[in-house]
Amino acid sequence: MRDYILCTLGTRGDVQPFIDIGRALKARGASVTLCSNRHWRDLAETVGLSFQGIADPDPSQSGRDDIAFFRRQVLPAFSRMYEMIVGAIRAGRTPTIVFKSGMLGAECAVERLGLNGVRIVLQPSAIRSTTQPPWPLSAVLRKPSVLISGVQSALYELSEFLSVYAGECRAFRRSVGAVGPGLKSEATATVVLCPDWFAEPQPDWPKGSVCAGFPVDRRSECPDRI
């Protein structure tokens, strides 16, 4: 039996695509565990998924101290995510890890433990591109060139260096023995949950990137007569 661990954190919009993916995998006879905020347990178990809660519900973003939230809730969740996957390996499982982009605990587990992984991108702007960067830079850098590509690459590096989260993320990677700059495994696929015409895939996207279309539960669609 194929074994999958799905990793995501956040609101219903961050979780529902993984519920739909998990349901589809389950229908194909796979064992599926969702690893997410604790209040999504009922949603996961309703469709037959196993569940592992690793974080409290996200507080409202209105007036939220994002840095404090990241340190208090997100980083500990990354640690629990990583430990949960390590525990699965110790129990004799060989799961494929399906994770939302930015889930550092899952990324490090794939890298450190040599697991098959699938990164899920919910919006194409989450993928860095120097060929055609996301808006608003795309409106400024209209004509691709080697110079513009180099400037864009430098901007990405600078923004990462200046990010208030970068040091925290590097410290987490060191804590689990992942000492490089980030996920580099070519075995990890990238699935973008929107059509090609919406995403506009670029040649410098990660190797093996696939646009899978918008995730839609066909059973929830309105009948033709309505």
C-alpha atoms as a PDB file:
ATOM      1  CA  MET A   1       0.000   0.000   0.000  1.00  0.00           C
ATOM      2  CA  ARG A   2       1.312   3.424  -0.885  1.00  0.00           C
ATOM      3  CA  ASP A   3       1.844   5.720   2.067  1.00  0.00           C
ATOM      4  CA  TYR A   4       1.488   9.514   2.012  1.00  0.00           C
ATOM      5  CA  ILE A   5       1.949  12.219   4.623  1.00  0.00           C
ATOM      6  CA  LEU A   6       0.350  15.552   3.663  1.00  0.00           C
ATOM      7  CA  CYS A   7       1.735  18.652   5.384  1.00  0.00           C
ATOM      8  CA  THR A   8       0.132  22.078   5.477  1.00  0.00           C
ATOM      9  CA  LEU A   9      -0.656  24.847   7.945  1.00  0.00           C
ATOM     10  CA  GLY A  10      -3.066  27.773   7.913  1.00  0.00           C
ATOM     11  CA  THR A  11      -6.632  28.603   7.008  1.00  0.00           C
ATOM     12  CA  ARG A  12      -9.285  26.603   5.154  1.00  0.00           C
ATOM     13  CA  GLY A  13      -7.797  27.788   1.865  1.00  0.00           C
ATOM     14  CA  ASP A  14      -4.451  26.236   2.825  1.00  0.00           C
ATOM     15  CA  VAL A  15      -6.030  22.970   3.949  1.00  0.00           C
ATOM     16  CA  GLN A  16      -8.916  22.225   1.576  1.00  0.00           C
ATOM     17  CA  PRO A  17      -6.655  21.416  -1.424  1.00  0.00           C
ATOM     18  CA  PHE A  18      -4.875  18.821   0.716  1.00  0.00           C
ATOM     19  CA  ILE A  19      -8.202  17.355   1.823  1.00  0.00           C
ATOM     20  CA  ASP A  20      -9.100  16.941  -1.863  1.00  0.00           C
ATOM     21  CA  ILE A  21      -5.690  15.440  -2.679  1.00  0.00           C
ATOM     22  CA  GLY A  22      -5.946  13.110   0.303  1.00  0.00           C
ATOM     23  CA  ARG A  23      -9.438  11.992  -0.697  1.00  0.00           C
ATOM     24  CA  ALA A  24      -8.233  11.190  -4.217  1.00  0.00           C
ATOM     25  CA  LEU A  25      -5.232   9.225  -2.927  1.00  0.00           C
ATOM     26  CA  LYS A  26      -7.427   7.385  -0.454  1.00  0.00           C
ATOM     27  CA  ALA A  27      -9.820   6.396  -3.265  1.00  0.00           C
ATOM     28  CA  ARG A  28      -6.834   4.805  -5.006  1.00  0.00           C
ATOM     29  CA  GLY A  29      -6.123   2.607  -2.008  1.00  0.00           C
ATOM     30  CA  ALA A  30      -3.351   4.639  -0.390  1.00  0.00           C
ATOM     31  CA  SER A  31      -2.751   5.263   3.304  1.00  0.00           C
ATOM     32  CA  VAL A  32      -2.972   9.017   3.903  1.00  0.00           C
ATOM     33  CA  THR A  33      -2.140  11.112   6.972  1.00  0.00           C
ATOM     34  CA  LEU A  34      -2.796  14.851   7.113  1.00  0.00           C
ATOM     35  CA  CYS A  35      -0.439  16.845   9.328  1.00  0.00           C
ATOM     36  CA  SER A  36      -1.877  20.298  10.104  1.00  0.00           C
ATOM     37  CA  ASN A  37      -3.532  22.622  12.644  1.00  0.00           C
ATOM     38  CA  ARG A  38      -5.464  20.688  15.276  1.00  0.00           C
ATOM     39  CA  HIS A  39      -8.893  22.103  14.455  1.00  0.00           C
ATOM     40  CA  TRP A  40      -8.843  20.482  10.999  1.00  0.00           C
ATOM     41  CA  ARG A  41      -9.096  16.996  12.501  1.00  0.00           C
ATOM     42  CA  ASP A  42     -12.839  16.599  11.873  1.00  0.00           C
ATOM     43  CA  LEU A  43     -12.468  17.822   8.292  1.00  0.00           C
ATOM     44  CA  ALA A  44      -9.738  15.242   7.616  1.00  0.00           C
ATOM     45  CA  GLU A  45     -11.376  12.334   9.388  1.00  0.00           C
ATOM     46  CA  THR A  46     -14.711  12.979   7.664  1.00  0.00           C
ATOM     47  CA  VAL A  47     -13.122  11.930   4.353  1.00  0.00           C
ATOM     48  CA  GLY A  48     -11.234   9.012   5.902  1.00  0.00           C
ATOM     49  CA  LEU A  49      -7.793  10.510   6.411  1.00  0.00           C
ATOM     50  CA  SER A  50      -5.620   9.855   9.438  1.00  0.00           C
ATOM     51  CA  PHE A  51      -4.694  13.061  11.226  1.00  0.00           C
ATOM     52  CA  GLN A  52      -1.808  14.499  13.209  1.00  0.00           C
ATOM     53  CA  GLY A  53      -2.328  17.888  14.873  1.00  0.00           C
ATOM     54  CA  ILE A  54       0.837  19.976  15.162  1.00  0.00           C
ATOM     55  CA  ALA A  55      -0.403  23.537  15.806  1.00  0.00           C
ATOM     56  CA  ASP A  56      -3.236  25.560  17.286  1.00  0.00           C
ATOM     57  CA  PRO A  57      -5.672  27.364  14.949  1.00  0.00           C
ATOM     58  CA  ASP A  58      -4.186  30.453  13.307  1.00  0.00           C
ATOM     59  CA  PRO A  59      -5.254  33.679  15.026  1.00  0.00           C
ATOM     60  CA  SER A  60      -6.833  36.440  12.970  1.00  0.00           C
ATOM     61  CA  GLN A  61      -4.353  38.253  10.743  1.00  0.00           C
ATOM     62  CA  SER A  62      -5.940  41.576  11.647  1.00  0.00           C
ATOM     63  CA  GLY A  63      -3.538  43.291  14.041  1.00  0.00           C
ATOM     64  CA  ARG A  64      -1.441  40.145  14.402  1.00  0.00           C
ATOM     65  CA  ASP A  65       2.250  40.428  15.227  1.00  0.00           C
ATOM     66  CA  ASP A  66       3.489  38.219  12.390  1.00  0.00           C
ATOM     67  CA  ILE A  67       7.023  37.819  13.707  1.00  0.00           C
ATOM     68  CA  ALA A  68       5.804  36.780  17.153  1.00  0.00           C
ATOM     69  CA  PHE A  69       3.272  34.426  15.527  1.00  0.00           C
ATOM     70  CA  PHE A  70       5.994  32.834  13.412  1.00  0.00           C
ATOM     71  CA  ARG A  71       8.230  32.262  16.420  1.00  0.00           C
ATOM     72  CA  ARG A  72       5.467  31.168  18.774  1.00  0.00           C
ATOM     73  CA  GLN A  73       3.451  28.908  16.478  1.00  0.00           C
ATOM     74  CA  VAL A  74       4.945  28.292  13.043  1.00  0.00           C
ATOM     75  CA  LEU A  75       8.505  27.293  13.987  1.00  0.00           C
ATOM     76  CA  PRO A  76       7.357  24.847  16.706  1.00  0.00           C
ATOM     77  CA  ALA A  77       4.932  23.379  14.148  1.00  0.00           C
ATOM     78  CA  PHE A  78       7.815  22.859  11.734  1.00  0.00           C
ATOM     79  CA  SER A  79       9.661  20.945  14.461  1.00  0.00           C
ATOM     80  CA  ARG A  80       6.624  18.758  15.189  1.00  0.00           C
ATOM     81  CA  MET A  81       6.153  18.164  11.454  1.00  0.00           C
ATOM     82  CA  TYR A  82       9.746  17.023  11.111  1.00  0.00           C
ATOM     83  CA  GLU A  83       9.562  14.834  14.208  1.00  0.00           C
ATOM     84  CA  MET A  84       6.306  13.264  13.034  1.00  0.00           C
ATOM     85  CA  ILE A  85       7.924  12.258   9.744  1.00  0.00           C
ATOM     86  CA  VAL A  86      11.023  10.933  11.533  1.00  0.00           C
ATOM     87  CA  GLY A  87       8.701   8.894  13.769  1.00  0.00           C
ATOM     88  CA  ALA A  88       7.002   7.414  10.716  1.00  0.00           C
ATOM     89  CA  ILE A  89      10.377   6.303   9.344  1.00  0.00           C
ATOM     90  CA  ARG A  90      11.354   4.742  12.671  1.00  0.00           C
ATOM     91  CA  ALA A  91       8.056   2.853  12.629  1.00  0.00           C
ATOM     92  CA  GLY A  92       9.054   1.241   9.348  1.00  0.00           C
ATOM     93  CA  ARG A  93       7.056   3.444   7.006  1.00  0.00           C
ATOM     94  CA  THR A  94       8.406   4.848   3.729  1.00  0.00           C
ATOM     95  CA  PRO A  95       5.970   7.679   3.029  1.00  0.00           C
ATOM     96  CA  THR A  96       5.896  10.136   0.172  1.00  0.00           C
ATOM     97  CA  ILE A  97       5.725  13.637   1.651  1.00  0.00           C
ATOM     98  CA  VAL A  98       3.246  16.011  -0.015  1.00  0.00           C
ATOM     99  CA  PHE A  99       3.728  19.494   1.381  1.00  0.00           C
ATOM    100  CA  LYS A 100       2.625  23.052   0.813  1.00  0.00           C
ATOM    101  CA  SER A 101       5.470  25.329  -0.312  1.00  0.00           C
ATOM    102  CA  GLY A 102       7.143  26.929   2.678  1.00  0.00           C
ATOM    103  CA  MET A 103       6.598  23.977   5.035  1.00  0.00           C
ATOM    104  CA  LEU A 104      10.183  23.903   6.248  1.00  0.00           C
ATOM    105  CA  GLY A 105       9.758  20.861   8.494  1.00  0.00           C
ATOM    106  CA  ALA A 106       8.610  18.743   5.552  1.00  0.00           C
ATOM    107  CA  GLU A 107      11.265  20.161   3.208  1.00  0.00           C
ATOM    108  CA  CYS A 108      14.046  19.296   5.634  1.00  0.00           C
ATOM    109  CA  ALA A 109      12.629  15.804   6.196  1.00  0.00           C
ATOM    110  CA  VAL A 110      12.611  15.122   2.451  1.00  0.00           C
ATOM    111  CA  GLU A 111      16.161  16.418   2.160  1.00  0.00           C
ATOM    112  CA  ARG A 112      17.649  14.792   5.247  1.00  0.00           C
ATOM    113  CA  LEU A 113      15.841  11.440   5.102  1.00  0.00           C
ATOM    114  CA  GLY A 114      16.019  10.883   1.360  1.00  0.00           C
ATOM    115  CA  LEU A 115      12.255  10.676   0.929  1.00  0.00           C
ATOM    116  CA  ASN A 116      10.165  11.183  -2.174  1.00  0.00           C
ATOM    117  CA  GLY A 117       8.466  14.545  -1.934  1.00  0.00           C
ATOM    118  CA  VAL A 118       5.895  16.567  -3.823  1.00  0.00           C
ATOM    119  CA  ARG A 119       5.734  20.303  -3.229  1.00  0.00           C
ATOM    120  CA  ILE A 120       2.277  21.826  -3.695  1.00  0.00           C
ATOM    121  CA  VAL A 121       2.163  25.453  -4.821  1.00  0.00           C
ATOM    122  CA  LEU A 122      -1.186  27.134  -4.214  1.00  0.00           C
ATOM    123  CA  GLN A 123      -0.364  30.283  -6.193  1.00  0.00           C
ATOM    124  CA  PRO A 124       2.232  30.628  -8.982  1.00  0.00           C
ATOM    125  CA  SER A 125       3.643  33.834  -7.478  1.00  0.00           C
ATOM    126  CA  ALA A 126       5.201  31.617  -4.777  1.00  0.00           C
ATOM    127  CA  ILE A 127       7.702  30.330  -7.366  1.00  0.00           C
ATOM    128  CA  ARG A 128      10.652  32.597  -7.936  1.00  0.00           C
ATOM    129  CA  SER A 129      11.456  33.400 -11.545  1.00  0.00           C
ATOM    130  CA  THR A 130      14.051  35.686 -13.045  1.00  0.00           C
ATOM    131  CA  THR A 131      12.616  35.098 -16.512  1.00  0.00           C
ATOM    132  CA  GLN A 132       9.192  36.491 -15.633  1.00  0.00           C
ATOM    133  CA  PRO A 133       8.908  37.557 -11.974  1.00  0.00           C
ATOM    134  CA  PRO A 134       5.506  37.930 -10.322  1.00  0.00           C
ATOM    135  CA  TRP A 135       3.650  41.241 -10.480  1.00  0.00           C
ATOM    136  CA  PRO A 136       4.451  44.081  -9.831  1.00  0.00           C
ATOM    137  CA  LEU A 137       8.014  43.396 -10.987  1.00  0.00           C
ATOM    138  CA  SER A 138       6.654  41.829 -14.172  1.00  0.00           C
ATOM    139  CA  ALA A 139       5.128  45.207 -15.066  1.00  0.00           C
ATOM    140  CA  VAL A 140       8.466  46.957 -14.533  1.00  0.00           C
ATOM    141  CA  LEU A 141      10.794  44.403 -16.116  1.00  0.00           C
ATOM    142  CA  ARG A 142       8.873  43.926 -19.347  1.00  0.00           C
ATOM    143  CA  LYS A 143      11.756  42.913 -21.622  1.00  0.00           C
ATOM    144  CA  PRO A 144      13.725  39.860 -20.482  1.00  0.00           C
ATOM    145  CA  SER A 145      17.499  40.130 -20.756  1.00  0.00           C
ATOM    146  CA  VAL A 146      20.603  38.744 -19.086  1.00  0.00           C
ATOM    147  CA  LEU A 147      21.066  42.035 -17.243  1.00  0.00           C
ATOM    148  CA  ILE A 148      17.482  42.157 -15.978  1.00  0.00           C
ATOM    149  CA  SER A 149      17.656  38.498 -14.999  1.00  0.00           C
ATOM    150  CA  GLY A 150      20.816  39.215 -12.997  1.00  0.00           C
ATOM    151  CA  VAL A 151      19.219  42.204 -11.287  1.00  0.00           C
ATOM    152  CA  GLN A 152      16.154  40.145 -10.397  1.00  0.00           C
ATOM    153  CA  SER A 153      18.301  37.330  -9.025  1.00  0.00           C
ATOM    154  CA  ALA A 154      20.207  39.845  -6.896  1.00  0.00           C
ATOM    155  CA  LEU A 155      16.928  41.292  -5.607  1.00  0.00           C
ATOM    156  CA  TYR A 156      15.766  37.839  -4.577  1.00  0.00           C
ATOM    157  CA  GLU A 157      19.019  37.198  -2.735  1.00  0.00           C
ATOM    158  CA  LEU A 158      18.881  40.578  -1.018  1.00  0.00           C
ATOM    159  CA  SER A 159      15.264  40.154   0.070  1.00  0.00           C
ATOM    160  CA  GLU A 160      16.095  36.736   1.518  1.00  0.00           C
ATOM    161  CA  PHE A 161      19.144  38.112   3.334  1.00  0.00           C
ATOM    162  CA  LEU A 162      17.145  41.006   4.821  1.00  0.00           C
ATOM    163  CA  SER A 163      14.105  38.905   5.712  1.00  0.00           C
ATOM    164  CA  VAL A 164      13.333  38.874   9.432  1.00  0.00           C
ATOM    165  CA  TYR A 165      12.525  35.168   9.066  1.00  0.00           C
ATOM    166  CA  ALA A 166      15.735  34.111   7.315  1.00  0.00           C
ATOM    167  CA  GLY A 167      17.815  33.717  10.457  1.00  0.00           C
ATOM    168  CA  GLU A 168      15.085  31.728  12.190  1.00  0.00           C
ATOM    169  CA  CYS A 169      14.784  29.410   9.191  1.00  0.00           C
ATOM    170  CA  ARG A 170      18.549  28.895   8.938  1.00  0.00           C
ATOM    171  CA  ALA A 171      18.677  28.073  12.647  1.00  0.00           C
ATOM    172  CA  PHE A 172      15.907  25.513  12.207  1.00  0.00           C
ATOM    173  CA  ARG A 173      17.712  23.901   9.289  1.00  0.00           C
ATOM    174  CA  ARG A 174      20.891  23.650  11.355  1.00  0.00           C
ATOM    175  CA  SER A 175      18.939  22.133  14.261  1.00  0.00           C
ATOM    176  CA  VAL A 176      17.894  19.164  12.099  1.00  0.00           C
ATOM    177  CA  GLY A 177      21.234  18.851  10.320  1.00  0.00           C
ATOM    178  CA  ALA A 178      20.205  20.464   7.049  1.00  0.00           C
ATOM    179  CA  VAL A 179      23.064  22.862   6.474  1.00  0.00           C
ATOM    180  CA  GLY A 180      22.559  23.916   2.853  1.00  0.00           C
ATOM    181  CA  PRO A 181      20.525  26.895   1.651  1.00  0.00           C
ATOM    182  CA  GLY A 182      17.332  24.961   0.957  1.00  0.00           C
ATOM    183  CA  LEU A 183      15.573  22.089  -0.728  1.00  0.00           C
ATOM    184  CA  LYS A 184      17.659  20.861  -3.670  1.00  0.00           C
ATOM    185  CA  SER A 185      16.381  17.314  -4.279  1.00  0.00           C
ATOM    186  CA  GLU A 186      15.668  16.866  -7.983  1.00  0.00           C
ATOM    187  CA  ALA A 187      13.426  13.916  -7.090  1.00  0.00           C
ATOM    188  CA  THR A 188      10.967  16.333  -5.540  1.00  0.00           C
ATOM    189  CA  ALA A 189       8.196  17.303  -7.950  1.00  0.00           C
ATOM    190  CA  THR A 190       6.440  20.669  -7.903  1.00  0.00           C
ATOM    191  CA  VAL A 191       2.692  20.693  -8.556  1.00  0.00           C
ATOM    192  CA  VAL A 192       1.038  24.069  -9.138  1.00  0.00           C
ATOM    193  CA  LEU A 193      -2.696  24.007  -8.413  1.00  0.00           C
ATOM    194  CA  CYS A 194      -3.873  26.094 -11.331  1.00  0.00           C
ATOM    195  CA  PRO A 195      -3.982  25.726 -15.132  1.00  0.00           C
ATOM    196  CA  ASP A 196      -1.118  26.638 -17.471  1.00  0.00           C
ATOM    197  CA  TRP A 197      -2.999  29.673 -18.789  1.00  0.00           C
ATOM    198  CA  PHE A 198      -3.290  31.049 -15.257  1.00  0.00           C
ATOM    199  CA  ALA A 199       0.201  30.188 -14.045  1.00  0.00           C
ATOM    200  CA  GLU A 200       2.206  31.053 -17.173  1.00  0.00           C
ATOM    201  CA  PRO A 201       5.026  28.548 -16.448  1.00  0.00           C
ATOM    202  CA  GLN A 202       8.543  29.909 -16.914  1.00  0.00           C
ATOM    203  CA  PRO A 203      11.690  28.122 -18.154  1.00  0.00           C
ATOM    204  CA  ASP A 204      13.489  28.721 -14.843  1.00  0.00           C
ATOM    205  CA  TRP A 205      10.783  27.095 -12.726  1.00  0.00           C
ATOM    206  CA  PRO A 206      11.921  23.980 -10.800  1.00  0.00           C
ATOM    207  CA  LYS A 207      12.567  20.959 -12.993  1.00  0.00           C
ATOM    208  CA  GLY A 208       9.501  18.749 -13.313  1.00  0.00           C
ATOM    209  CA  SER A 209       6.969  21.442 -12.412  1.00  0.00           C
ATOM    210  CA  VAL A 210       3.420  20.546 -13.422  1.00  0.00           C
ATOM    211  CA  CYS A 211       0.307  22.707 -13.552  1.00  0.00           C
ATOM    212  CA  ALA A 212      -2.502  20.430 -12.394  1.00  0.00           C
ATOM    213  CA  GLY A 213      -5.436  22.840 -12.714  1.00  0.00           C
ATOM    214  CA  PHE A 214      -7.679  24.221  -9.989  1.00  0.00           C
ATOM    215  CA  PRO A 215      -8.592  21.564  -7.395  1.00  0.00           C
ATOM    216  CA  VAL A 216     -12.348  21.103  -7.628  1.00  0.00           C
ATOM    217  CA  ASP A 217     -14.487  18.587  -5.801  1.00  0.00           C
ATOM    218  CA  ARG A 218     -16.873  17.652  -8.616  1.00  0.00           C
ATOM    219  CA  ARG A 219     -19.468  16.457  -6.141  1.00  0.00           C
ATOM    220  CA  SER A 220     -19.919  20.006  -4.853  1.00  0.00           C
ATOM    221  CA  GLU A 221     -20.675  21.514  -8.259  1.00  0.00           C
ATOM    222  CA  CYS A 222     -24.208  22.789  -8.921  1.00  0.00           C
ATOM    223  CA  PRO A 223     -26.444  20.553 -11.073  1.00  0.00           C
ATOM    224  CA  ASP A 224     -27.065  21.749 -14.641  1.00  0.00           C
ATOM    225  CA  ARG A 225     -30.666  22.603 -13.855  1.00  0.00           C
ATOM    226  CA  ILE A 226     -29.692  25.266 -11.305  1.00  0.00           C
END
